[in-house]
Protein backbone atom coordinates (compact mmCIF):
# COMPACT_ATOMS: atom_id res chain seq x y z
CA MET A 1 38.64 -7.66 11.02
CA PRO A 2 35.29 -5.58 10.77
CA VAL A 3 32.35 -7.64 11.25
CA LYS A 4 28.76 -6.77 10.10
CA HIS A 5 26.67 -5.67 13.26
CA ASP A 6 23.94 -8.36 14.05
CA LEU A 7 20.60 -6.43 14.28
CA TYR A 8 18.84 -9.53 14.78
CA ALA A 9 20.36 -10.55 17.99
CA ASP A 10 20.04 -6.84 19.20
CA LEU A 11 16.07 -6.88 18.44
CA SER A 12 15.73 -10.54 19.50
CA VAL A 13 14.24 -11.51 16.35
CA THR A 14 15.09 -13.93 13.70
CA LYS A 15 16.03 -12.98 10.10
CA GLU A 16 12.78 -14.73 8.93
CA GLU A 17 10.71 -12.83 11.63
CA LEU A 18 11.95 -9.55 10.69
CA ALA A 19 11.65 -10.38 6.83
CA LYS A 20 7.95 -11.14 7.55
CA LEU A 21 7.34 -8.02 9.61
CA LYS A 22 9.20 -5.78 6.94
CA SER A 23 7.09 -7.39 4.01
CA GLY A 24 3.77 -5.74 5.60
CA ASP A 25 5.33 -2.62 6.98
CA ALA A 26 6.74 -0.16 4.33
CA LYS A 27 8.16 2.03 7.18
CA LEU A 28 9.98 -0.82 9.04
CA ASN A 29 11.43 -1.88 5.69
CA ALA A 30 12.77 1.63 5.07
CA LEU A 31 14.18 1.79 8.72
CA VAL A 32 15.90 -1.39 8.22
CA GLU A 33 17.26 -0.55 4.79
CA HIS A 34 18.71 2.65 6.40
CA TYR A 35 20.31 0.72 9.25
CA ASP A 36 21.74 -1.77 6.77
CA GLU A 37 23.18 1.34 4.63
CA LEU A 38 24.87 2.50 7.71
CA ASP A 39 26.26 -0.71 8.89
CA ILE A 40 27.91 -1.38 5.39
CA GLN A 41 29.41 2.26 5.52
CA ILE A 42 30.91 1.30 8.99
CA VAL A 43 32.22 -2.11 7.96
CA SER A 44 33.83 -0.50 4.80
CA ALA A 45 35.19 2.41 6.56
CA GLU A 46 36.72 -0.20 9.05
CA GLU A 47 38.26 -2.27 6.50
CA ALA A 48 39.76 0.55 4.48
CA GLY A 49 40.92 2.46 7.71
CA ASP A 50 40.76 5.66 5.93
CA ILE A 51 38.22 7.22 8.11
CA PRO A 52 39.12 9.49 11.36
CA ASP A 53 38.14 8.06 14.64
CA ASP A 54 35.69 10.88 15.38
CA GLU A 55 33.93 10.32 11.89
CA LEU A 56 33.75 6.55 12.66
CA LYS A 57 32.10 7.13 16.18
CA LYS A 58 29.47 9.46 14.57
CA LEU A 59 28.52 6.90 12.12
CA LYS A 60 28.32 4.28 14.63
CA GLU A 61 26.12 6.68 16.76
CA LYS A 62 23.82 7.04 13.72
CA ARG A 63 23.65 3.21 13.55
CA LEU A 64 22.72 2.90 17.06
CA GLN A 65 20.09 5.55 16.66
CA ALA A 66 18.80 3.77 13.57
CA LYS A 67 18.63 0.56 15.67
CA ASP A 68 16.74 2.10 18.62
CA THR A 69 14.21 3.79 16.03
CA ILE A 70 13.37 0.10 14.57
CA ALA A 71 13.12 -1.19 18.00
CA GLY A 72 10.78 1.57 18.95
CA HIS A 73 8.88 1.10 15.98
CA LEU A 74 8.66 -2.79 16.56
CA ASN A 75 7.37 -1.96 20.15
CA THR A 76 4.45 0.18 18.93
CA ALA A 77 3.45 -1.98 16.09
CA GLY A 78 3.50 -5.26 18.02
């Protein structure tokens, strides 16, 4: 069963900490929203099983890039 990816664990922040950071940073908020959209697409595609493996792999790569962008933004902001 597909599971939503745990962004908080990957970034070593709590949900509350990230929410606080997002509230004062419009760019971070947009980056996290983009990540969440990709994650929802991936989970939905995995549940439906109607997406070719190469397309699913590309979506996962985009999600990884989105996470790396968020991590980089947090490192420069913090």
